[in-house]
Each structure stands twice: as C-alpha cells, then as structure tokens.
C-alpha cells in the first residue's frame, strides 16, 4: 500500500518528499469535486426606497437575483429570504446593491429608458416553460406591450395564457424582467405584483397614456415583429396578422424607434 511505502521511506529523503506530494495531490483530486458541490454561492441583500415603494434587492456575482416589493399586502421578508436560502444561496447584508438598483429604477421612472443596466441572474426561475416566457418577454422593447394570450402563443402555448399569468406573478426580478409590459387582451393593464399603481407608473414612463379605465388608449399602434410594419388597431392587415408576433406600441414614434415602418394601407402616422 502507498501508506506502507511512505512509512518505509527514510525521513528527509527525496523519496519521502515525492511520496508526500503524491499523497497530497491524490487527496486534492478526491476532495475538490466534493467541496465544489457543498460550496454555496453568496448573494448580497439590502433594502432601499424607490418610486415604486420600498424594495428588497438580492444580487449574486452574476447579477440581480430578486427584487421584492415590501409594501404590498402579504409581503414577507422572511419568505423572500427563505426562497433565496432554498435555492442554496448564503446571504450577506449589503445596502449598496439595493441603493444602486433603486437609483436605476428611479431614473427609469423619470424617463431614462436606458437606465436599467445592471445584469440579471435567473437562478430562481427553475421551470423550462417559465424560462421560455421570460426570455421571450425580455425581447419586448420599452414602450411596447404584449397581451398574456399573445405571449403564450409566442412561446408555443396558445392556450397557456393562465400559465403566463402565473409566470408573471412569480417573476423574481420585476422591472428588469418587464412583466409590466404584459396586459390583458381587452387593453386593460391587469394586475401587478408591486401593485397596479406601480405598473401604471412604469407604463407611463415608457410613453403609454392610460385612461381612467386603466386601458391603453386608442393612439397606441400594433407592430408586427416579422414584417417590421406598424398599423392602427383597426387595420385589416393587423387583424389578419398572427397575434404571437404582434406587440402594442405606445405611439407611432415608439414603433419607429424600435425600427418599424408605418403601414401604407392604414397610415398610422
């Protein structure tokens, strides 16, 4: 055995030193994968005020893991922290990360639509369906919205609007994963984890005019993401289009900023 060979070696000899090196290397090879499996990543957690209310922010080395609205009915910091721990994160307090994210959200609500620059970490999104929904949603530009039904169709589940709604409700990184850009098919804004007023504030920051009935107003236009043409909602071309490829822009200017051109049939402006 190697141990016996080591005991037989003369102290201080080159053979003894080589044997020690070999034993240490073998032990390291055995320990390294086990240590990797038990090592838990850190997330830094802090709280801060924002235009959308008080927030708890958790950030890993990869980016924002969680934004949690503290002022909504039933909000529980303990539950939020337990969720992070269940996902095998260890937590350390860091108010600076919350202040940074809150500052970006403040600038966004004030009209700087390029303010949300901190990367995100989707570690809390475990369902493949939910990941597909979120990745598709992240392609909807600022100043545009989709319906729950259209988003479901866009990920290959045309009857999955309820499942899309559940995904929006459980979205761990609101604002940065823009679930506020998903509305009902009738044009009403629908619900929001941070409260309807927060959703209205975000949509208005992106240029939407929301009526007293909390519906997107009639000056919005429909944009087709394959043809890169935008139309009036009443246009026959828009009504024939595949809804999974349609987004609603706040106005013609927003559609043009996204690289779309006006329909020659309905001339939306």
Protein backbone atom coordinates (compact mmCIF):
# COMPACT_ATOMS: atom_id res chain seq x y z
CA UNK A 1 0.00 0.00 0.00
CA UNK A 2 1.10 3.59 -0.56
CA UNK A 3 0.88 4.31 3.16
CA UNK A 4 3.19 1.40 3.94
CA UNK A 5 5.60 2.59 1.29
CA UNK A 6 5.59 6.05 2.84
CA UNK A 7 6.33 4.64 6.33
CA UNK A 8 9.27 2.72 4.92
CA UNK A 9 10.82 5.80 3.32
CA UNK A 10 13.76 7.38 5.10
CA UNK A 11 12.93 10.76 6.72
CA UNK A 12 14.19 13.70 4.78
CA UNK A 13 14.88 11.80 1.58
CA UNK A 14 13.75 12.83 -1.89
CA UNK A 15 11.64 9.68 -2.00
CA UNK A 16 9.76 10.76 1.10
CA UNK A 17 9.07 14.24 -0.30
CA UNK A 18 7.85 12.81 -3.59
CA UNK A 19 5.58 10.41 -1.75
CA UNK A 20 4.11 13.26 0.33
CA UNK A 21 3.46 15.29 -2.81
CA UNK A 22 1.72 12.34 -4.46
CA UNK A 23 -0.47 11.73 -1.41
CA UNK A 24 -1.45 15.40 -1.24
CA UNK A 25 -2.26 15.51 -4.96
CA UNK A 26 -4.42 12.40 -4.66
CA UNK A 27 -6.27 13.84 -1.66
CA UNK A 28 -6.88 17.12 -3.51
CA UNK A 29 -8.31 15.30 -6.52
CA UNK A 30 -10.74 13.45 -4.27
CA UNK A 31 -11.75 16.48 -2.21
CA UNK A 32 -12.11 19.14 -4.92
CA UNK A 33 -15.36 17.90 -6.54
CA UNK A 34 -16.94 17.32 -3.14
CA UNK A 35 -16.05 20.80 -1.94
CA UNK A 36 -17.46 22.27 -5.15
CA UNK A 37 -20.78 20.52 -4.54
CA UNK A 38 -21.17 21.84 -0.99
CA UNK A 39 -19.92 25.38 -1.59
CA UNK A 40 -22.90 27.77 -1.65
CA UNK A 41 -22.81 31.00 -3.67
CA UNK A 42 -23.27 34.31 -1.87
CA UNK A 43 -25.97 36.86 -2.56
CA UNK A 44 -25.82 40.40 -1.21
CA UNK A 45 -29.14 41.64 0.18
CA UNK A 46 -30.29 45.14 1.02
CA UNK A 47 -33.36 47.38 1.17
CA UNK A 48 -33.99 50.78 -0.36
CA UNK A 49 -36.78 53.22 -1.15
CA UNK A 50 -37.83 53.67 -4.79
CA UNK A 51 -40.59 55.42 -6.77
CA UNK A 52 -42.38 52.05 -6.74
CA UNK A 53 -42.19 51.72 -2.95
CA UNK A 54 -39.72 50.07 -0.63
CA UNK A 55 -37.73 47.24 -2.18
CA UNK A 56 -35.57 44.36 -1.07
CA UNK A 57 -32.84 43.58 -3.60
CA UNK A 58 -30.69 40.44 -3.75
CA UNK A 59 -27.68 40.28 -6.07
CA UNK A 60 -25.28 37.46 -6.90
CA UNK A 61 -21.94 37.75 -8.66
CA UNK A 62 -23.86 37.27 -11.93
CA UNK A 63 -26.48 39.96 -11.37
CA UNK A 64 -29.83 40.75 -9.73
CA UNK A 65 -31.46 37.58 -8.38
CA UNK A 66 -34.51 39.13 -6.74
CA UNK A 67 -36.41 42.41 -6.46
CA UNK A 68 -39.10 42.13 -3.80
CA UNK A 69 -41.84 44.71 -3.20
CA UNK A 70 -42.02 45.25 0.56
CA UNK A 71 -45.15 47.44 0.68
CA UNK A 72 -47.64 45.09 -0.97
CA UNK A 73 -50.25 43.23 1.11
CA UNK A 74 -48.90 39.94 2.41
CA UNK A 75 -45.27 40.81 1.69
CA UNK A 76 -42.91 38.84 3.92
CA UNK A 77 -39.18 39.43 4.10
CA UNK A 78 -38.79 36.09 5.87
CA UNK A 79 -40.44 34.27 2.96
CA UNK A 80 -38.26 36.09 0.43
CA UNK A 81 -35.08 35.25 2.33
CA UNK A 82 -36.22 31.64 2.74
CA UNK A 83 -36.66 31.41 -1.03
CA UNK A 84 -33.06 32.50 -1.52
CA UNK A 85 -31.80 30.00 1.04
CA UNK A 86 -33.82 27.17 -0.54
CA UNK A 87 -32.03 27.92 -3.77
CA UNK A 88 -28.78 27.28 -1.85
CA UNK A 89 -27.64 30.86 -1.51
CA UNK A 90 -25.87 32.21 1.56
CA UNK A 91 -26.83 35.79 2.40
CA UNK A 92 -24.82 38.83 3.41
CA UNK A 93 -26.16 42.32 4.02
CA UNK A 94 -25.14 44.99 1.51
CA UNK A 95 -27.22 48.16 1.29
CA UNK A 96 -25.16 49.48 -1.61
CA UNK A 97 -26.58 46.94 -4.08
CA UNK A 98 -30.13 47.96 -3.19
CA UNK A 99 -29.27 51.66 -3.49
CA UNK A 100 -27.76 51.10 -6.93
CA UNK A 101 -30.78 49.20 -8.27
CA UNK A 102 -33.20 51.67 -6.70
CA UNK A 103 -31.33 54.52 -8.37
CA UNK A 104 -31.62 52.87 -11.77
CA UNK A 105 -35.36 52.32 -11.26
CA UNK A 106 -35.77 55.95 -10.19
CA UNK A 107 -34.08 57.19 -13.37
CA UNK A 108 -36.19 54.82 -15.46
CA UNK A 109 -39.46 56.04 -13.96
CA UNK A 110 -38.29 59.61 -14.56
CA UNK A 111 -37.95 58.85 -18.28
CA UNK A 112 -34.45 57.45 -18.85
CA UNK A 113 -35.39 54.22 -20.62
CA UNK A 114 -31.73 53.17 -20.81
CA UNK A 115 -31.22 53.31 -17.03
CA UNK A 116 -31.64 49.60 -16.24
CA UNK A 117 -28.09 48.44 -16.89
CA UNK A 118 -27.37 46.00 -14.03
CA UNK A 119 -27.29 42.38 -15.31
CA UNK A 120 -29.79 39.84 -14.02
CA UNK A 121 -29.41 36.29 -12.71
CA UNK A 122 -32.35 33.94 -13.42
CA UNK A 123 -31.31 31.32 -10.85
CA UNK A 124 -34.74 31.48 -9.17
CA UNK A 125 -36.52 30.58 -12.42
CA UNK A 126 -36.46 26.79 -12.48
CA UNK A 127 -39.30 25.80 -14.84
CA UNK A 128 -38.32 25.48 -18.53
CA UNK A 129 -41.69 26.96 -19.54
CA UNK A 130 -41.21 29.96 -17.28
CA UNK A 131 -37.72 30.50 -18.68
CA UNK A 132 -39.11 30.48 -22.23
CA UNK A 133 -41.76 33.02 -21.26
CA UNK A 134 -39.25 35.29 -19.55
CA UNK A 135 -36.72 35.12 -22.37
CA UNK A 136 -39.44 35.99 -24.90
CA UNK A 137 -40.74 38.81 -22.70
CA UNK A 138 -37.29 40.34 -22.45
CA UNK A 139 -37.39 40.91 -26.23
CA UNK A 140 -40.37 43.27 -25.88
CA UNK A 141 -38.82 46.75 -26.04
CA UNK A 142 -39.54 49.65 -23.73
CA UNK A 143 -42.62 51.48 -24.98
CA UNK A 144 -44.34 48.27 -26.10
CA UNK A 145 -46.60 45.67 -24.51
CA UNK A 146 -47.99 42.22 -25.34
CA UNK A 147 -51.14 40.51 -24.16
CA UNK A 148 -50.97 37.40 -21.99
CA UNK A 149 -52.53 35.46 -24.84
CA UNK A 150 -50.02 36.74 -27.40
CA UNK A 151 -47.09 35.95 -25.12
CA UNK A 152 -48.41 32.43 -24.59
CA UNK A 153 -48.72 31.93 -28.34
CA UNK A 154 -45.24 33.30 -28.87
CA UNK A 155 -43.74 30.52 -26.70
CA UNK A 156 -45.74 27.79 -28.40
CA UNK A 157 -48.59 27.51 -25.88
CA UNK A 158 -51.55 29.35 -27.46
CA UNK A 159 -53.88 28.16 -24.68
CA UNK A 160 -51.40 28.95 -21.95
CA UNK A 161 -52.38 32.50 -21.03
CA UNK A 162 -53.15 31.42 -17.46
CA UNK A 163 -49.73 29.81 -17.14
CA UNK A 164 -48.18 33.00 -18.50
CA UNK A 165 -50.09 34.96 -15.86
CA UNK A 166 -48.72 32.69 -13.15
CA UNK A 167 -45.21 33.23 -14.53
CA UNK A 168 -45.68 36.98 -14.36
CA UNK A 169 -46.98 36.71 -10.78
CA UNK A 170 -43.92 34.71 -9.71
CA UNK A 171 -41.38 36.78 -11.66
CA UNK A 172 -38.45 37.20 -9.23
CA UNK A 173 -36.96 40.28 -10.95
CA UNK A 174 -39.77 42.71 -11.82
CA UNK A 175 -38.93 45.88 -13.77
CA UNK A 176 -35.74 44.29 -15.18
CA UNK A 177 -37.76 41.31 -16.40
CA UNK A 178 -40.54 43.60 -17.63
CA UNK A 179 -43.74 41.82 -16.60
CA UNK A 180 -45.35 45.28 -16.52
CA UNK A 181 -45.30 45.02 -20.34
CA UNK A 182 -47.91 42.25 -20.32
CA UNK A 183 -51.55 43.35 -20.39
CA UNK A 184 -54.96 41.81 -20.98
CA UNK A 185 -56.35 41.24 -24.46
CA UNK A 186 -59.02 43.93 -23.92
CA UNK A 187 -56.31 46.57 -23.43
CA UNK A 188 -56.65 46.82 -19.65
CA UNK A 189 -53.40 46.75 -17.74
CA UNK A 190 -54.27 43.83 -15.46
CA UNK A 191 -52.61 43.01 -12.16
CA UNK A 192 -49.05 43.53 -10.96
CA UNK A 193 -47.01 42.12 -8.10
CA UNK A 194 -45.96 45.58 -6.97
CA UNK A 195 -49.49 46.94 -7.20
CA UNK A 196 -51.41 48.39 -10.13
CA UNK A 197 -50.15 51.91 -9.43
CA UNK A 198 -46.57 50.73 -9.89
CA UNK A 199 -47.49 49.12 -13.20
CA UNK A 200 -49.16 52.34 -14.34
CA UNK A 201 -46.07 54.35 -13.34
CA UNK A 202 -43.80 52.08 -15.39
CA UNK A 203 -46.06 52.11 -18.45
CA UNK A 204 -46.44 55.88 -18.31
CA UNK A 205 -42.68 56.24 -18.05
CA UNK A 206 -42.47 54.30 -21.31
CA UNK A 207 -44.88 56.66 -23.05
CA UNK A 208 -48.27 54.97 -22.64
CA UNK A 209 -51.30 57.10 -21.97
CA UNK A 210 -53.57 55.10 -19.68
CA UNK A 211 -57.19 56.15 -19.39
CA UNK A 212 -59.28 56.35 -16.23
CA UNK A 213 -60.50 52.84 -17.03
CA UNK A 214 -56.85 51.66 -16.84
CA UNK A 215 -56.78 50.73 -20.52
CA UNK A 216 -54.20 51.53 -23.15
CA UNK A 217 -55.61 54.46 -25.13
CA UNK A 218 -56.58 54.36 -28.79
CA UNK A 219 -53.48 56.19 -30.03
CA UNK A 220 -51.45 53.02 -29.49
CA UNK A 221 -50.39 51.13 -32.61
CA UNK A 222 -49.79 47.46 -33.40
CA UNK A 223 -46.33 46.39 -34.52
CA UNK A 224 -45.52 43.16 -36.37
CA UNK A 225 -42.14 41.80 -35.33
CA UNK A 226 -41.56 39.82 -38.52
CA UNK A 227 -42.63 42.35 -41.18
CA UNK A 228 -41.46 45.34 -39.06
CA UNK A 229 -44.63 47.24 -40.00
CA UNK A 230 -46.93 49.01 -37.54
CA UNK A 231 -50.65 49.62 -38.06
CA UNK A 232 -53.68 51.15 -36.48
CA UNK A 233 -55.60 48.58 -34.38
CA UNK A 234 -58.49 48.86 -36.84
CA UNK A 235 -56.34 48.00 -39.87
CA UNK A 236 -57.41 44.84 -41.71
CA UNK A 237 -53.77 43.81 -42.09
CA UNK A 238 -53.28 43.94 -38.33
CA UNK A 239 -56.42 41.89 -37.71
CA UNK A 240 -55.17 39.16 -40.06
CA UNK A 241 -51.70 39.01 -38.51
CA UNK A 242 -50.50 36.27 -36.20
CA UNK A 243 -51.07 37.68 -32.69
CA UNK A 244 -47.98 35.93 -31.35
CA UNK A 245 -45.86 38.25 -33.48
CA UNK A 246 -47.67 41.45 -32.54
CA UNK A 247 -46.75 43.98 -29.89
CA UNK A 248 -48.58 47.16 -28.94
CA UNK A 249 -46.55 50.37 -29.05
CA UNK A 250 -47.50 53.45 -27.08
CA UNK A 251 -47.48 55.58 -30.24
CA UNK A 252 -46.06 55.69 -33.79
CA UNK A 253 -42.89 57.36 -32.52
CA UNK A 254 -42.19 54.41 -30.22
CA UNK A 255 -42.70 51.96 -33.09
CA UNK A 256 -40.29 53.92 -35.28
CA UNK A 257 -37.69 53.98 -32.50
CA UNK A 258 -37.91 50.19 -32.46
CA UNK A 259 -37.14 50.09 -36.20
CA UNK A 260 -40.66 49.61 -37.61
CA UNK A 261 -42.20 51.49 -40.53
CA UNK A 262 -45.78 52.69 -40.98
CA UNK A 263 -48.35 50.62 -42.83
CA UNK A 264 -49.11 52.08 -46.25
CA UNK A 265 -52.70 50.92 -46.05
CA UNK A 266 -53.90 52.48 -42.78
CA UNK A 267 -51.23 55.21 -42.50
CA UNK A 268 -51.00 55.27 -38.70
CA UNK A 269 -48.97 58.47 -38.54
